[in-house]
Amino acid sequence: MKIFLVSVLFLCCFNISVAETRDAQEHFFDAKLGDFKSELATAKKEGKTGVLIMFELDDCPFCFRMKQTILNQSEVQDYYHKHFLIYPVDLKGDVAMIDFKGKSTTEKAFGLEQRIYGTPVFDFFDLEGNRIVRFPGAAKDASEFLQLGRYVVEGAYTSMPFAKYKRQGQSAQ
């Protein structure tokens, strides 16, 4: 009987958390036009802080974990969409694209030019197409990933590393 009750409780909790999530592919990322130079103009027009690119691989377990546990959270999706245009870039992708400077390339070549050698990597670009913050690896949870977004939006990256920003945020809570 105890096992049954624990199972029902688990299923109820699981259903509650599922209801608070949305598919990351559909709700976190914006539809790519393949022209990041044009995307900068769109970001400026929409009053965004910049552009966020997630460099990923299809078979990367850390990318999968990010999408299944953090990027699928509605709070994360809403915050990031308010401040950034967001695009995935496949490090093995042969899809043609135009980089921030207007040069024709492929996703794979763009990743190499950005010196991406592991995944996931989250690069934040300002409205001129300059990388301003790099976050390599998976965030530990949605709270840390939201802190990362605030770090960029607030401009704290200009005066301190993210680790210090996180420590200050934790002491203020």
N, C-alpha and C. Protein backbone atom coordinates (compact mmCIF):
# COMPACT_ATOMS: atom_id res chain seq x y z
N MET A 1 0.82 -1.19 0.00
CA MET A 1 0.00 0.00 0.00
C MET A 1 0.87 1.26 0.00
N LYS A 2 1.96 1.26 0.81
CA LYS A 2 2.84 2.42 0.86
C LYS A 2 3.47 2.70 -0.50
N ILE A 3 3.87 1.66 -1.19
CA ILE A 3 4.48 1.83 -2.51
C ILE A 3 3.47 2.45 -3.46
N PHE A 4 2.22 2.01 -3.40
CA PHE A 4 1.18 2.57 -4.26
C PHE A 4 0.99 4.06 -3.98
N LEU A 5 0.92 4.46 -2.70
CA LEU A 5 0.74 5.87 -2.35
C LEU A 5 1.91 6.72 -2.79
N VAL A 6 3.12 6.21 -2.61
CA VAL A 6 4.31 6.93 -3.05
C VAL A 6 4.28 7.10 -4.57
N SER A 7 3.88 6.06 -5.29
CA SER A 7 3.80 6.13 -6.75
C SER A 7 2.77 7.16 -7.20
N VAL A 8 1.60 7.17 -6.55
CA VAL A 8 0.56 8.14 -6.90
C VAL A 8 1.06 9.56 -6.61
N LEU A 9 1.70 9.75 -5.47
CA LEU A 9 2.24 11.05 -5.12
C LEU A 9 3.28 11.49 -6.15
N PHE A 10 4.17 10.60 -6.55
CA PHE A 10 5.18 10.90 -7.55
C PHE A 10 4.53 11.31 -8.87
N LEU A 11 3.53 10.54 -9.30
CA LEU A 11 2.86 10.84 -10.56
C LEU A 11 2.15 12.19 -10.51
N CYS A 12 1.53 12.49 -9.38
CA CYS A 12 0.87 13.79 -9.24
C CYS A 12 1.89 14.92 -9.32
N CYS A 13 2.99 14.76 -8.62
CA CYS A 13 4.05 15.79 -8.67
C CYS A 13 4.63 15.90 -10.07
N PHE A 14 4.83 14.77 -10.72
CA PHE A 14 5.38 14.77 -12.07
C PHE A 14 4.44 15.50 -13.02
N ASN A 15 3.14 15.25 -12.91
CA ASN A 15 2.17 15.92 -13.79
C ASN A 15 2.13 17.41 -13.53
N ILE A 16 2.30 17.82 -12.28
CA ILE A 16 2.32 19.24 -11.97
C ILE A 16 3.51 19.90 -12.65
N SER A 17 4.69 19.28 -12.56
CA SER A 17 5.86 19.89 -13.17
C SER A 17 5.78 19.88 -14.69
N VAL A 18 5.17 18.87 -15.27
CA VAL A 18 5.00 18.83 -16.71
C VAL A 18 4.10 19.96 -17.18
N ALA A 19 3.08 20.29 -16.40
CA ALA A 19 2.15 21.34 -16.77
C ALA A 19 2.83 22.71 -16.79
N GLU A 20 3.93 22.88 -16.03
CA GLU A 20 4.63 24.15 -15.96
C GLU A 20 5.75 24.26 -16.99
N THR A 21 5.87 23.28 -17.84
CA THR A 21 6.94 23.29 -18.84
C THR A 21 6.35 23.36 -20.24
N ARG A 22 7.18 23.85 -21.16
CA ARG A 22 6.82 23.90 -22.58
C ARG A 22 8.01 23.42 -23.38
N ASP A 23 7.75 22.84 -24.52
CA ASP A 23 8.80 22.32 -25.37
C ASP A 23 9.85 23.39 -25.66
N ALA A 24 11.10 23.07 -25.38
CA ALA A 24 12.18 24.05 -25.56
C ALA A 24 12.37 24.41 -27.03
N GLN A 25 12.33 23.43 -27.89
CA GLN A 25 12.55 23.69 -29.32
C GLN A 25 11.50 24.67 -29.85
N GLU A 26 10.30 24.51 -29.42
CA GLU A 26 9.20 25.33 -29.91
C GLU A 26 9.08 26.67 -29.19
N HIS A 27 9.37 26.71 -27.89
CA HIS A 27 9.10 27.91 -27.09
C HIS A 27 10.34 28.67 -26.62
N PHE A 28 11.52 28.08 -26.68
CA PHE A 28 12.71 28.81 -26.26
C PHE A 28 13.41 29.46 -27.45
N PHE A 29 13.58 28.71 -28.52
CA PHE A 29 14.31 29.21 -29.68
C PHE A 29 13.40 29.95 -30.65
N ASP A 30 13.97 30.97 -31.29
CA ASP A 30 13.26 31.68 -32.36
C ASP A 30 13.50 30.96 -33.67
N ALA A 31 12.59 31.16 -34.63
CA ALA A 31 12.75 30.58 -35.96
C ALA A 31 13.92 31.27 -36.65
N LYS A 32 14.85 30.48 -37.17
CA LYS A 32 16.06 31.03 -37.81
C LYS A 32 15.78 31.39 -39.26
N LEU A 33 16.26 32.57 -39.64
CA LEU A 33 16.26 32.95 -41.04
C LEU A 33 17.58 32.55 -41.68
N GLY A 34 18.58 32.31 -40.84
CA GLY A 34 19.90 31.95 -41.36
C GLY A 34 20.76 33.15 -41.67
N ASP A 35 20.30 34.33 -41.26
CA ASP A 35 21.05 35.56 -41.53
C ASP A 35 21.16 36.34 -40.22
N PHE A 36 22.27 36.13 -39.50
CA PHE A 36 22.42 36.76 -38.20
C PHE A 36 22.61 38.27 -38.30
N LYS A 37 23.11 38.76 -39.43
CA LYS A 37 23.23 40.21 -39.61
C LYS A 37 21.83 40.84 -39.62
N SER A 38 20.90 40.20 -40.31
CA SER A 38 19.51 40.69 -40.33
C SER A 38 18.86 40.53 -38.97
N GLU A 39 19.22 39.47 -38.26
CA GLU A 39 18.65 39.24 -36.93
C GLU A 39 19.04 40.37 -35.97
N LEU A 40 20.25 40.91 -36.15
CA LEU A 40 20.66 42.04 -35.32
C LEU A 40 19.74 43.24 -35.52
N ALA A 41 19.38 43.49 -36.78
CA ALA A 41 18.47 44.60 -37.08
C ALA A 41 17.11 44.35 -36.43
N THR A 42 16.65 43.11 -36.46
CA THR A 42 15.37 42.75 -35.83
C THR A 42 15.46 42.95 -34.32
N ALA A 43 16.57 42.52 -33.72
CA ALA A 43 16.75 42.67 -32.27
C ALA A 43 16.73 44.15 -31.88
N LYS A 44 17.39 44.99 -32.66
CA LYS A 44 17.40 46.44 -32.39
C LYS A 44 15.99 46.99 -32.48
N LYS A 45 15.30 46.62 -33.55
CA LYS A 45 13.94 47.12 -33.80
C LYS A 45 12.99 46.72 -32.66
N GLU A 46 13.17 45.51 -32.13
CA GLU A 46 12.30 45.00 -31.08
C GLU A 46 12.75 45.42 -29.68
N GLY A 47 13.83 46.19 -29.58
CA GLY A 47 14.30 46.66 -28.28
C GLY A 47 14.94 45.60 -27.41
N LYS A 48 15.50 44.58 -28.03
CA LYS A 48 16.16 43.50 -27.28
C LYS A 48 17.54 43.94 -26.79
N THR A 49 18.06 43.23 -25.82
CA THR A 49 19.40 43.47 -25.32
C THR A 49 20.43 42.94 -26.32
N GLY A 50 20.11 41.84 -26.98
CA GLY A 50 21.03 41.24 -27.93
C GLY A 50 20.53 39.93 -28.45
N VAL A 51 21.46 39.10 -28.90
CA VAL A 51 21.17 37.79 -29.48
C VAL A 51 21.90 36.74 -28.65
N LEU A 52 21.20 35.66 -28.36
CA LEU A 52 21.78 34.52 -27.64
C LEU A 52 21.85 33.34 -28.60
N ILE A 53 23.03 32.75 -28.69
CA ILE A 53 23.19 31.55 -29.51
C ILE A 53 23.59 30.39 -28.61
N MET A 54 22.88 29.28 -28.77
CA MET A 54 23.25 28.04 -28.09
C MET A 54 23.94 27.15 -29.12
N PHE A 55 25.23 26.95 -28.96
CA PHE A 55 25.96 26.01 -29.80
C PHE A 55 25.72 24.63 -29.22
N GLU A 56 25.28 23.71 -30.07
CA GLU A 56 24.84 22.39 -29.60
C GLU A 56 25.23 21.29 -30.58
N LEU A 57 25.06 20.07 -30.12
CA LEU A 57 25.17 18.87 -30.95
C LEU A 57 23.96 18.00 -30.66
N ASP A 58 23.46 17.32 -31.68
CA ASP A 58 22.27 16.47 -31.51
C ASP A 58 22.46 15.40 -30.44
N ASP A 59 23.66 14.84 -30.36
CA ASP A 59 23.89 13.73 -29.44
C ASP A 59 24.56 14.16 -28.14
N CYS A 60 24.53 15.43 -27.82
CA CYS A 60 25.15 15.95 -26.60
C CYS A 60 24.21 15.74 -25.41
N PRO A 61 24.61 14.95 -24.42
CA PRO A 61 23.73 14.71 -23.27
C PRO A 61 23.50 15.96 -22.42
N PHE A 62 24.47 16.87 -22.40
CA PHE A 62 24.32 18.10 -21.61
C PHE A 62 23.35 19.07 -22.29
N CYS A 63 23.39 19.10 -23.63
CA CYS A 63 22.43 19.91 -24.39
C CYS A 63 21.02 19.38 -24.14
N PHE A 64 20.89 18.06 -24.20
CA PHE A 64 19.60 17.42 -23.97
C PHE A 64 19.08 17.76 -22.58
N ARG A 65 19.95 17.67 -21.57
CA ARG A 65 19.55 17.99 -20.20
C ARG A 65 19.11 19.45 -20.09
N MET A 66 19.83 20.35 -20.71
CA MET A 66 19.45 21.78 -20.68
C MET A 66 18.04 21.96 -21.26
N LYS A 67 17.79 21.32 -22.38
CA LYS A 67 16.49 21.46 -23.04
C LYS A 67 15.36 20.82 -22.24
N GLN A 68 15.65 19.72 -21.57
CA GLN A 68 14.62 18.98 -20.85
C GLN A 68 14.36 19.49 -19.43
N THR A 69 15.31 20.21 -18.84
CA THR A 69 15.14 20.61 -17.45
C THR A 69 15.19 22.11 -17.20
N ILE A 70 15.75 22.88 -18.14
CA ILE A 70 15.89 24.32 -17.92
C ILE A 70 15.25 25.14 -19.03
N LEU A 71 15.62 24.87 -20.26
CA LEU A 71 15.09 25.66 -21.38
C LEU A 71 13.61 25.40 -21.64
N ASN A 72 13.06 24.38 -21.00
CA ASN A 72 11.63 24.08 -21.15
C ASN A 72 10.78 24.77 -20.09
N GLN A 73 11.40 25.49 -19.17
CA GLN A 73 10.67 26.17 -18.10
C GLN A 73 10.06 27.47 -18.63
N SER A 74 8.78 27.66 -18.42
CA SER A 74 8.09 28.83 -18.96
C SER A 74 8.71 30.13 -18.43
N GLU A 75 9.13 30.16 -17.18
CA GLU A 75 9.73 31.38 -16.62
C GLU A 75 11.03 31.73 -17.36
N VAL A 76 11.84 30.72 -17.65
CA VAL A 76 13.08 30.92 -18.39
C VAL A 76 12.77 31.41 -19.80
N GLN A 77 11.84 30.74 -20.46
CA GLN A 77 11.47 31.11 -21.83
C GLN A 77 10.96 32.54 -21.89
N ASP A 78 10.07 32.91 -20.98
CA ASP A 78 9.49 34.25 -21.00
C ASP A 78 10.55 35.32 -20.75
N TYR A 79 11.43 35.11 -19.79
CA TYR A 79 12.46 36.10 -19.49
C TYR A 79 13.40 36.28 -20.68
N TYR A 80 13.90 35.17 -21.20
CA TYR A 80 14.87 35.26 -22.29
C TYR A 80 14.24 35.86 -23.55
N HIS A 81 12.99 35.52 -23.84
CA HIS A 81 12.35 36.10 -25.03
C HIS A 81 12.09 37.59 -24.88
N LYS A 82 11.92 38.03 -23.68
CA LYS A 82 11.71 39.47 -23.46
C LYS A 82 12.98 40.25 -23.82
N HIS A 83 14.15 39.65 -23.61
CA HIS A 83 15.41 40.37 -23.74
C HIS A 83 16.30 39.98 -24.91
N PHE A 84 16.08 38.80 -25.50
CA PHE A 84 16.99 38.31 -26.53
C PHE A 84 16.24 37.64 -27.68
N LEU A 85 16.86 37.66 -28.86
CA LEU A 85 16.50 36.71 -29.91
C LEU A 85 17.41 35.52 -29.65
N ILE A 86 16.88 34.30 -29.81
CA ILE A 86 17.60 33.10 -29.37
C ILE A 86 17.64 32.06 -30.49
N TYR A 87 18.85 31.59 -30.81
CA TYR A 87 18.99 30.65 -31.92
C TYR A 87 19.92 29.50 -31.55
N PRO A 88 19.59 28.29 -32.00
CA PRO A 88 20.52 27.17 -31.85
C PRO A 88 21.44 27.11 -33.07
N VAL A 89 22.67 26.68 -32.86
CA VAL A 89 23.60 26.44 -33.96
C VAL A 89 24.20 25.06 -33.75
N ASP A 90 24.04 24.20 -34.75
CA ASP A 90 24.54 22.83 -34.70
C ASP A 90 26.00 22.81 -35.12
N LEU A 91 26.88 22.38 -34.23
CA LEU A 91 28.32 22.38 -34.53
C LEU A 91 28.70 21.41 -35.64
N LYS A 92 27.82 20.50 -36.00
CA LYS A 92 28.09 19.61 -37.13
C LYS A 92 27.26 20.01 -38.34
N GLY A 93 26.54 21.12 -38.24
CA GLY A 93 25.60 21.52 -39.27
C GLY A 93 26.24 22.08 -40.53
N ASP A 94 25.76 21.60 -41.66
CA ASP A 94 26.21 22.12 -42.95
C ASP A 94 25.22 23.13 -43.51
N VAL A 95 24.29 23.58 -42.68
CA VAL A 95 23.28 24.54 -43.11
C VAL A 95 23.96 25.87 -43.41
N ALA A 96 23.67 26.42 -44.58
CA ALA A 96 24.23 27.72 -44.97
C ALA A 96 23.64 28.81 -44.09
N MET A 97 24.47 29.79 -43.77
CA MET A 97 24.03 30.92 -42.95
C MET A 97 24.91 32.13 -43.24
N ILE A 98 24.49 33.26 -42.71
CA ILE A 98 25.26 34.50 -42.82
C ILE A 98 25.59 34.94 -41.40
N ASP A 99 26.89 35.19 -41.14
CA ASP A 99 27.29 35.56 -39.78
C ASP A 99 26.95 37.03 -39.48
N PHE A 100 27.32 37.50 -38.31
CA PHE A 100 26.98 38.85 -37.88
C PHE A 100 27.64 39.94 -38.73
N LYS A 101 28.72 39.60 -39.43
CA LYS A 101 29.41 40.57 -40.27
C LYS A 101 28.91 40.54 -41.72
N GLY A 102 27.97 39.62 -42.01
CA GLY A 102 27.42 39.51 -43.36
C GLY A 102 28.14 38.51 -44.24
N LYS A 103 29.04 37.71 -43.67
CA LYS A 103 29.80 36.72 -44.44
C LYS A 103 29.02 35.40 -44.53
N SER A 104 28.96 34.83 -45.73
CA SER A 104 28.32 33.53 -45.92
C SER A 104 29.22 32.44 -45.34
N THR A 105 28.59 31.51 -44.64
CA THR A 105 29.32 30.43 -43.98
C THR A 105 28.36 29.27 -43.74
N THR A 106 28.77 28.32 -42.94
CA THR A 106 27.88 27.24 -42.49
C THR A 106 27.86 27.26 -40.97
N GLU A 107 26.89 26.57 -40.38
CA GLU A 107 26.84 26.51 -38.91
C GLU A 107 28.13 25.93 -38.35
N LYS A 108 28.62 24.86 -38.96
CA LYS A 108 29.84 24.20 -38.49
C LYS A 108 31.03 25.17 -38.56
N ALA A 109 31.21 25.85 -39.67
CA ALA A 109 32.32 26.79 -39.83
C ALA A 109 32.18 27.97 -38.86
N PHE A 110 30.95 28.45 -38.68
CA PHE A 110 30.71 29.55 -37.74
C PHE A 110 31.10 29.14 -36.33
N GLY A 111 30.74 27.92 -35.93
CA GLY A 111 31.12 27.41 -34.62
C GLY A 111 32.63 27.35 -34.45
N LEU A 112 33.33 26.90 -35.47
CA LEU A 112 34.80 26.85 -35.41
C LEU A 112 35.39 28.25 -35.32
N GLU A 113 34.84 29.19 -36.08
CA GLU A 113 35.32 30.57 -36.03
C GLU A 113 35.12 31.18 -34.64
N GLN A 114 34.06 30.75 -33.97
CA GLN A 114 33.79 31.24 -32.62
C GLN A 114 34.58 30.47 -31.56
N ARG A 115 35.37 29.50 -32.02
CA ARG A 115 36.21 28.68 -31.14
C ARG A 115 35.38 27.86 -30.15
N ILE A 116 34.36 27.23 -30.69
CA ILE A 116 33.50 26.35 -29.89
C ILE A 116 33.99 24.92 -30.11
N TYR A 117 34.41 24.28 -29.04
CA TYR A 117 34.95 22.93 -29.16
C TYR A 117 34.19 21.92 -28.32
N GLY A 118 33.24 22.35 -27.52
CA GLY A 118 32.41 21.47 -26.72
C GLY A 118 31.02 22.06 -26.65
N THR A 119 30.09 21.28 -26.17
CA THR A 119 28.70 21.77 -26.09
C THR A 119 28.08 21.38 -24.76
N PRO A 120 27.07 22.11 -24.34
CA PRO A 120 26.56 23.34 -24.95
C PRO A 120 27.45 24.54 -24.59
N VAL A 121 27.38 25.56 -25.42
CA VAL A 121 27.99 26.85 -25.14
C VAL A 121 26.94 27.90 -25.46
N PHE A 122 26.74 28.81 -24.53
CA PHE A 122 25.80 29.91 -24.73
C PHE A 122 26.60 31.19 -24.92
N ASP A 123 26.51 31.78 -26.11
CA ASP A 123 27.18 33.04 -26.40
C ASP A 123 26.15 34.14 -26.53
N PHE A 124 26.38 35.22 -25.80
CA PHE A 124 25.52 36.40 -25.87
C PHE A 124 26.23 37.43 -26.73
N PHE A 125 25.52 37.98 -27.72
CA PHE A 125 26.06 38.99 -28.61
C PHE A 125 25.30 40.29 -28.42
N ASP A 126 26.04 41.41 -28.45
CA ASP A 126 25.37 42.71 -28.35
C ASP A 126 24.72 43.05 -29.69
N LEU A 127 24.13 44.20 -29.78
CA LEU A 127 23.38 44.59 -30.98
C LEU A 127 24.28 44.97 -32.16
N GLU A 128 25.59 44.93 -31.93
CA GLU A 128 26.55 45.16 -33.02
C GLU A 128 27.15 43.84 -33.50
N GLY A 129 26.76 42.73 -32.86
CA GLY A 129 27.28 41.42 -33.25
C GLY A 129 28.57 41.03 -32.55
N ASN A 130 28.91 41.73 -31.48
CA ASN A 130 30.11 41.40 -30.71
C ASN A 130 29.73 40.49 -29.55
N ARG A 131 30.50 39.41 -29.39
CA ARG A 131 30.24 38.54 -28.25
C ARG A 131 30.59 39.29 -26.97
N ILE A 132 29.66 39.27 -26.02
CA ILE A 132 29.89 39.98 -24.76
C ILE A 132 30.01 39.03 -23.58
N VAL A 133 29.37 37.86 -23.67
CA VAL A 133 29.44 36.88 -22.58
C VAL A 133 29.41 35.49 -23.19
N ARG A 134 30.25 34.63 -22.64
CA ARG A 134 30.23 33.20 -23.01
C ARG A 134 29.98 32.40 -21.75
N PHE A 135 29.02 31.47 -21.83
CA PHE A 135 28.74 30.56 -20.72
C PHE A 135 28.92 29.14 -21.26
N PRO A 136 30.06 28.51 -20.97
CA PRO A 136 30.27 27.14 -21.45
C PRO A 136 29.65 26.12 -20.51
N GLY A 137 29.05 25.10 -21.09
CA GLY A 137 28.48 24.02 -20.30
C GLY A 137 27.03 24.25 -19.94
N ALA A 138 26.51 23.31 -19.18
CA ALA A 138 25.11 23.36 -18.77
C ALA A 138 24.99 24.10 -17.44
N ALA A 139 23.94 24.90 -17.32
CA ALA A 139 23.65 25.54 -16.03
C ALA A 139 23.20 24.46 -15.06
N LYS A 140 23.39 24.71 -13.77
CA LYS A 140 23.00 23.69 -12.78
C LYS A 140 21.49 23.62 -12.63
N ASP A 141 20.79 24.76 -12.82
CA ASP A 141 19.33 24.76 -12.72
C ASP A 141 18.76 26.03 -13.36
N ALA A 142 17.45 26.14 -13.38
CA ALA A 142 16.78 27.28 -14.01
C ALA A 142 17.14 28.58 -13.31
N SER A 143 17.31 28.54 -12.00
CA SER A 143 17.66 29.74 -11.25
C SER A 143 19.00 30.31 -11.70
N GLU A 144 20.00 29.45 -11.87
CA GLU A 144 21.30 29.91 -12.32
C GLU A 144 21.21 30.46 -13.74
N PHE A 145 20.44 29.83 -14.60
CA PHE A 145 20.32 30.30 -15.98
C PHE A 145 19.59 31.65 -16.04
N LEU A 146 18.61 31.85 -15.17
CA LEU A 146 17.94 33.16 -15.09
C LEU A 146 18.92 34.21 -14.57
N GLN A 147 19.75 33.84 -13.60
CA GLN A 147 20.78 34.76 -13.10
C GLN A 147 21.72 35.17 -14.23
N LEU A 148 22.07 34.22 -15.07
CA LEU A 148 22.94 34.50 -16.22
C LEU A 148 22.29 35.54 -17.13
N GLY A 149 21.02 35.38 -17.40
CA GLY A 149 20.31 36.35 -18.24
C GLY A 149 20.32 37.74 -17.61
N ARG A 150 20.05 37.81 -16.32
CA ARG A 150 20.05 39.11 -15.62
C ARG A 150 21.45 39.73 -15.63
N TYR A 151 22.48 38.90 -15.50
CA TYR A 151 23.87 39.35 -15.54
C TYR A 151 24.15 40.10 -16.84
N VAL A 152 23.63 39.59 -17.94
CA VAL A 152 23.83 40.22 -19.24
C VAL A 152 22.94 41.46 -19.38
N VAL A 153 21.64 41.30 -19.09
CA VAL A 153 20.69 42.40 -19.25
C VAL A 153 21.07 43.61 -18.40
N GLU A 154 21.49 43.37 -17.16
CA GLU A 154 21.86 44.46 -16.25
C GLU A 154 23.23 45.07 -16.58
N GLY A 155 23.98 44.42 -17.48
CA GLY A 155 25.30 44.93 -17.84
C GLY A 155 26.37 44.64 -16.81
N ALA A 156 26.09 43.76 -15.87
CA ALA A 156 27.08 43.43 -14.83
C ALA A 156 28.33 42.79 -15.41
N TYR A 157 28.23 42.20 -16.60
CA TYR A 157 29.38 41.56 -17.24
C TYR A 157 30.51 42.57 -17.52
N THR A 158 30.19 43.86 -17.55
CA THR A 158 31.21 44.87 -17.81
C THR A 158 32.10 45.14 -16.61
N SER A 159 31.65 44.72 -15.42
CA SER A 159 32.42 45.05 -14.22
C SER A 159 32.83 43.86 -13.35
N MET A 160 32.29 42.67 -13.65
CA MET A 160 32.65 41.52 -12.81
C MET A 160 32.37 40.21 -13.55
N PRO A 161 33.09 39.16 -13.16
CA PRO A 161 32.79 37.84 -13.73
C PRO A 161 31.47 37.30 -13.18
N PHE A 162 30.89 36.37 -13.92
CA PHE A 162 29.60 35.80 -13.53
C PHE A 162 29.66 35.14 -12.16
N ALA A 163 30.76 34.48 -11.83
CA ALA A 163 30.88 33.82 -10.52
C ALA A 163 30.70 34.83 -9.38
N LYS A 164 31.30 36.00 -9.51
CA LYS A 164 31.17 37.03 -8.47
C LYS A 164 29.72 37.55 -8.43
N TYR A 165 29.13 37.75 -9.59
CA TYR A 165 27.73 38.20 -9.68
C TYR A 165 26.80 37.22 -8.97
N LYS A 166 27.04 35.93 -9.19
CA LYS A 166 26.23 34.90 -8.54
C LYS A 166 26.39 34.96 -7.02
N ARG A 167 27.62 35.09 -6.55
CA ARG A 167 27.85 35.16 -5.10
C ARG A 167 27.14 36.38 -4.50
N GLN A 168 27.21 37.50 -5.17
CA GLN A 168 26.54 38.70 -4.65
C GLN A 168 25.03 38.52 -4.64
N GLY A 169 24.50 37.86 -5.65
CA GLY A 169 23.06 37.61 -5.71
C GLY A 169 22.60 36.68 -4.61
N GLN A 170 23.42 35.68 -4.27
CA GLN A 170 23.05 34.74 -3.23
C GLN A 170 23.12 35.39 -1.86
N SER A 171 24.07 36.30 -1.66
CA SER A 171 24.17 36.93 -0.34
C SER A 171 23.06 37.95 -0.13
N ALA A 172 22.52 38.49 -1.23
CA ALA A 172 21.46 39.49 -1.12
C ALA A 172 20.09 38.84 -0.85
N GLN A 173 20.00 37.52 -1.05
CA GLN A 173 18.70 36.86 -0.89
C GLN A 173 18.44 36.48 0.53
